[in-house]
Amino acid sequence: MSYWLLALILIAQAAIFLINQLDSDPHYPYVKLGAGSASWPFDNPQYLLLNLAIGGDMGGPVDNSIFPLQIEVDDVRAYQKL
């Protein structure tokens, strides 16, 4: 079985999302544009939620014949630079 490597690198002025390689181009960089939780929610306490999101605006229509599905998580790690 192969797994994806997903990473979130959170620095003072940006949140950088990476998929499959830590040295790859950012999948979705989220740049801090201002103060307050409306423009920069990462100053607030955060929680990790792992889900199997299917469909929606980015995923498009869903073929119900694919169900049931499951997500298998091998490892979750969180690091904080001191």
N, C-alpha and C. Protein backbone atom coordinates (compact mmCIF):
# COMPACT_ATOMS: atom_id res chain seq x y z
N MET A 1 0.83 -1.16 0.00
CA MET A 1 0.00 0.00 0.00
C MET A 1 0.89 1.24 0.00
N SER A 2 0.51 2.23 -0.77
CA SER A 2 1.27 3.47 -0.77
C SER A 2 0.46 4.56 -0.05
N TYR A 3 1.17 5.44 0.60
CA TYR A 3 0.56 6.53 1.34
C TYR A 3 1.01 7.86 0.76
N TRP A 4 0.21 8.86 0.95
CA TRP A 4 0.58 10.22 0.59
C TRP A 4 1.25 10.86 1.79
N LEU A 5 2.18 11.75 1.52
CA LEU A 5 2.79 12.55 2.55
C LEU A 5 2.23 13.96 2.43
N LEU A 6 1.50 14.39 3.43
CA LEU A 6 0.90 15.72 3.45
C LEU A 6 1.59 16.53 4.53
N ALA A 7 1.90 17.77 4.24
CA ALA A 7 2.61 18.61 5.21
C ALA A 7 2.03 20.01 5.21
N LEU A 8 2.02 20.60 6.38
CA LEU A 8 1.68 22.01 6.55
C LEU A 8 2.85 22.66 7.25
N ILE A 9 3.48 23.60 6.60
CA ILE A 9 4.57 24.36 7.20
C ILE A 9 4.01 25.72 7.55
N LEU A 10 3.97 26.02 8.83
CA LEU A 10 3.38 27.26 9.30
C LEU A 10 4.50 28.18 9.80
N ILE A 11 4.67 29.30 9.12
CA ILE A 11 5.66 30.30 9.52
C ILE A 11 4.92 31.60 9.81
N ALA A 12 5.63 32.61 10.26
CA ALA A 12 4.98 33.85 10.72
C ALA A 12 4.11 34.50 9.65
N GLN A 13 4.51 34.46 8.40
CA GLN A 13 3.79 35.19 7.36
C GLN A 13 3.11 34.31 6.32
N ALA A 14 3.11 32.99 6.52
CA ALA A 14 2.50 32.12 5.52
C ALA A 14 2.24 30.73 6.09
N ALA A 15 1.27 30.06 5.50
CA ALA A 15 1.02 28.64 5.72
C ALA A 15 1.22 27.97 4.36
N ILE A 16 2.08 26.97 4.31
CA ILE A 16 2.43 26.34 3.05
C ILE A 16 2.03 24.88 3.10
N PHE A 17 1.17 24.47 2.19
CA PHE A 17 0.69 23.10 2.12
C PHE A 17 1.46 22.35 1.05
N LEU A 18 2.00 21.19 1.39
CA LEU A 18 2.76 20.37 0.46
C LEU A 18 2.14 18.99 0.37
N ILE A 19 2.22 18.40 -0.81
CA ILE A 19 1.69 17.05 -1.03
C ILE A 19 2.79 16.18 -1.62
N ASN A 20 3.10 15.09 -0.95
CA ASN A 20 3.99 14.01 -1.38
C ASN A 20 5.47 14.28 -1.33
N GLN A 21 5.93 15.50 -1.37
CA GLN A 21 7.37 15.74 -1.25
C GLN A 21 7.59 17.05 -0.53
N LEU A 22 8.40 17.00 0.51
CA LEU A 22 8.66 18.21 1.29
C LEU A 22 9.47 19.23 0.51
N ASP A 23 10.18 18.80 -0.53
CA ASP A 23 10.98 19.74 -1.31
C ASP A 23 10.29 20.16 -2.61
N SER A 24 9.00 19.85 -2.74
CA SER A 24 8.28 20.18 -3.97
C SER A 24 7.72 21.60 -3.90
N ASP A 25 7.17 22.04 -5.00
CA ASP A 25 6.51 23.34 -5.03
C ASP A 25 5.27 23.29 -4.14
N PRO A 26 4.96 24.39 -3.48
CA PRO A 26 3.78 24.41 -2.61
C PRO A 26 2.51 24.10 -3.40
N HIS A 27 1.65 23.28 -2.82
CA HIS A 27 0.36 22.99 -3.44
C HIS A 27 -0.58 24.18 -3.28
N TYR A 28 -0.58 24.75 -2.10
CA TYR A 28 -1.45 25.89 -1.84
C TYR A 28 -0.80 26.77 -0.78
N PRO A 29 -0.08 27.82 -1.19
CA PRO A 29 0.47 28.74 -0.18
C PRO A 29 -0.61 29.73 0.26
N TYR A 30 -0.73 29.92 1.55
CA TYR A 30 -1.72 30.83 2.13
C TYR A 30 -0.93 31.93 2.83
N VAL A 31 -0.91 33.12 2.23
CA VAL A 31 -0.07 34.21 2.71
C VAL A 31 -0.85 35.10 3.66
N LYS A 32 -0.21 35.50 4.73
CA LYS A 32 -0.83 36.39 5.71
C LYS A 32 -0.98 37.78 5.11
N LEU A 33 -2.22 38.24 4.98
CA LEU A 33 -2.49 39.53 4.36
C LEU A 33 -2.82 40.61 5.37
N GLY A 34 -3.12 40.22 6.59
CA GLY A 34 -3.47 41.21 7.60
C GLY A 34 -3.60 40.58 8.97
N ALA A 35 -3.98 41.39 9.94
CA ALA A 35 -4.14 40.91 11.31
C ALA A 35 -5.58 40.47 11.54
N GLY A 36 -5.77 39.69 12.58
CA GLY A 36 -7.11 39.22 12.94
C GLY A 36 -7.42 37.86 12.37
N SER A 37 -8.31 37.15 13.03
CA SER A 37 -8.60 35.77 12.64
C SER A 37 -9.33 35.67 11.30
N ALA A 38 -9.98 36.72 10.85
CA ALA A 38 -10.65 36.67 9.55
C ALA A 38 -9.66 36.53 8.40
N SER A 39 -8.51 37.18 8.51
CA SER A 39 -7.52 37.09 7.45
C SER A 39 -6.38 36.13 7.78
N TRP A 40 -6.18 35.81 9.06
CA TRP A 40 -5.10 34.91 9.47
C TRP A 40 -5.56 34.06 10.65
N PRO A 41 -6.26 32.96 10.39
CA PRO A 41 -6.80 32.14 11.47
C PRO A 41 -5.76 31.36 12.26
N PHE A 42 -4.52 31.32 11.80
CA PHE A 42 -3.50 30.49 12.43
C PHE A 42 -2.94 31.07 13.73
N ASP A 43 -3.34 32.28 14.10
CA ASP A 43 -2.96 32.81 15.40
C ASP A 43 -3.82 32.22 16.52
N ASN A 44 -4.93 31.63 16.18
CA ASN A 44 -5.84 30.98 17.14
C ASN A 44 -5.43 29.53 17.36
N PRO A 45 -5.89 28.91 18.45
CA PRO A 45 -5.62 27.48 18.64
C PRO A 45 -6.14 26.68 17.45
N GLN A 46 -5.40 25.65 17.06
CA GLN A 46 -5.75 24.84 15.90
C GLN A 46 -5.98 23.39 16.32
N TYR A 47 -6.77 22.69 15.52
CA TYR A 47 -7.06 21.28 15.73
C TYR A 47 -6.82 20.56 14.42
N LEU A 48 -6.44 19.32 14.50
CA LEU A 48 -6.21 18.52 13.31
C LEU A 48 -7.43 17.64 13.07
N LEU A 49 -8.01 17.77 11.91
CA LEU A 49 -9.18 16.98 11.53
C LEU A 49 -8.83 16.23 10.25
N LEU A 50 -8.88 14.92 10.31
CA LEU A 50 -8.64 14.10 9.13
C LEU A 50 -9.98 13.57 8.65
N ASN A 51 -10.31 13.86 7.40
CA ASN A 51 -11.58 13.37 6.88
C ASN A 51 -11.43 12.96 5.42
N LEU A 52 -12.41 12.28 4.93
CA LEU A 52 -12.45 11.84 3.54
C LEU A 52 -13.48 12.72 2.84
N ALA A 53 -13.03 13.86 2.34
CA ALA A 53 -13.93 14.82 1.69
C ALA A 53 -14.11 14.41 0.23
N ILE A 54 -15.34 14.33 -0.19
CA ILE A 54 -15.65 13.88 -1.55
C ILE A 54 -16.63 14.87 -2.16
N GLY A 55 -16.35 15.28 -3.40
CA GLY A 55 -17.26 16.17 -4.11
C GLY A 55 -17.05 17.62 -3.74
N GLY A 56 -18.09 18.41 -3.88
CA GLY A 56 -18.00 19.83 -3.58
C GLY A 56 -17.56 20.63 -4.79
N ASP A 57 -17.25 21.88 -4.56
CA ASP A 57 -16.87 22.78 -5.65
C ASP A 57 -15.62 22.32 -6.38
N MET A 58 -14.63 21.81 -5.64
CA MET A 58 -13.38 21.39 -6.28
C MET A 58 -13.46 19.96 -6.82
N GLY A 59 -14.19 19.11 -6.13
CA GLY A 59 -14.24 17.70 -6.51
C GLY A 59 -15.25 17.36 -7.59
N GLY A 60 -16.27 18.16 -7.71
CA GLY A 60 -17.29 17.92 -8.73
C GLY A 60 -18.31 16.88 -8.29
N PRO A 61 -19.15 16.44 -9.23
CA PRO A 61 -20.20 15.48 -8.91
C PRO A 61 -19.62 14.14 -8.43
N VAL A 62 -20.39 13.45 -7.60
CA VAL A 62 -19.94 12.20 -7.01
C VAL A 62 -20.75 11.04 -7.58
N ASP A 63 -20.04 9.99 -8.00
CA ASP A 63 -20.67 8.75 -8.44
C ASP A 63 -20.88 7.89 -7.21
N ASN A 64 -22.11 7.69 -6.80
CA ASN A 64 -22.42 6.96 -5.57
C ASN A 64 -21.97 5.50 -5.59
N SER A 65 -21.60 4.98 -6.75
CA SER A 65 -21.16 3.58 -6.80
C SER A 65 -19.79 3.39 -6.14
N ILE A 66 -19.08 4.48 -5.81
CA ILE A 66 -17.77 4.35 -5.17
C ILE A 66 -17.88 4.05 -3.68
N PHE A 67 -19.05 4.19 -3.11
CA PHE A 67 -19.23 4.01 -1.66
C PHE A 67 -19.46 2.55 -1.32
N PRO A 68 -19.10 2.09 -0.14
CA PRO A 68 -18.46 2.81 0.96
C PRO A 68 -16.96 2.97 0.73
N LEU A 69 -16.40 3.98 1.34
CA LEU A 69 -14.96 4.25 1.28
C LEU A 69 -14.40 4.35 2.68
N GLN A 70 -13.09 4.31 2.78
CA GLN A 70 -12.44 4.50 4.07
C GLN A 70 -11.13 5.23 3.85
N ILE A 71 -10.65 5.87 4.89
CA ILE A 71 -9.36 6.52 4.86
C ILE A 71 -8.46 5.78 5.85
N GLU A 72 -7.26 5.45 5.40
CA GLU A 72 -6.30 4.77 6.27
C GLU A 72 -5.14 5.71 6.54
N VAL A 73 -4.88 5.97 7.80
CA VAL A 73 -3.82 6.89 8.20
C VAL A 73 -2.74 6.07 8.89
N ASP A 74 -1.53 6.16 8.37
CA ASP A 74 -0.42 5.42 8.93
C ASP A 74 0.22 6.15 10.10
N ASP A 75 0.34 7.47 9.99
CA ASP A 75 1.08 8.21 10.99
C ASP A 75 0.67 9.68 10.94
N VAL A 76 0.60 10.31 12.09
CA VAL A 76 0.34 11.75 12.19
C VAL A 76 1.37 12.30 13.16
N ARG A 77 2.04 13.37 12.75
CA ARG A 77 3.05 13.99 13.61
C ARG A 77 2.85 15.49 13.61
N ALA A 78 3.17 16.11 14.72
CA ALA A 78 3.14 17.56 14.82
C ALA A 78 4.43 18.00 15.49
N TYR A 79 5.05 19.01 14.90
CA TYR A 79 6.31 19.53 15.41
C TYR A 79 6.14 21.01 15.69
N GLN A 80 6.85 21.49 16.66
CA GLN A 80 6.87 22.92 16.96
C GLN A 80 8.31 23.35 17.16
N LYS A 81 8.70 24.37 16.43
CA LYS A 81 10.06 24.89 16.58
C LYS A 81 10.12 25.73 17.83
N LEU A 82 11.07 25.45 18.70
CA LEU A 82 11.19 26.18 19.95
C LEU A 82 12.21 27.30 19.84
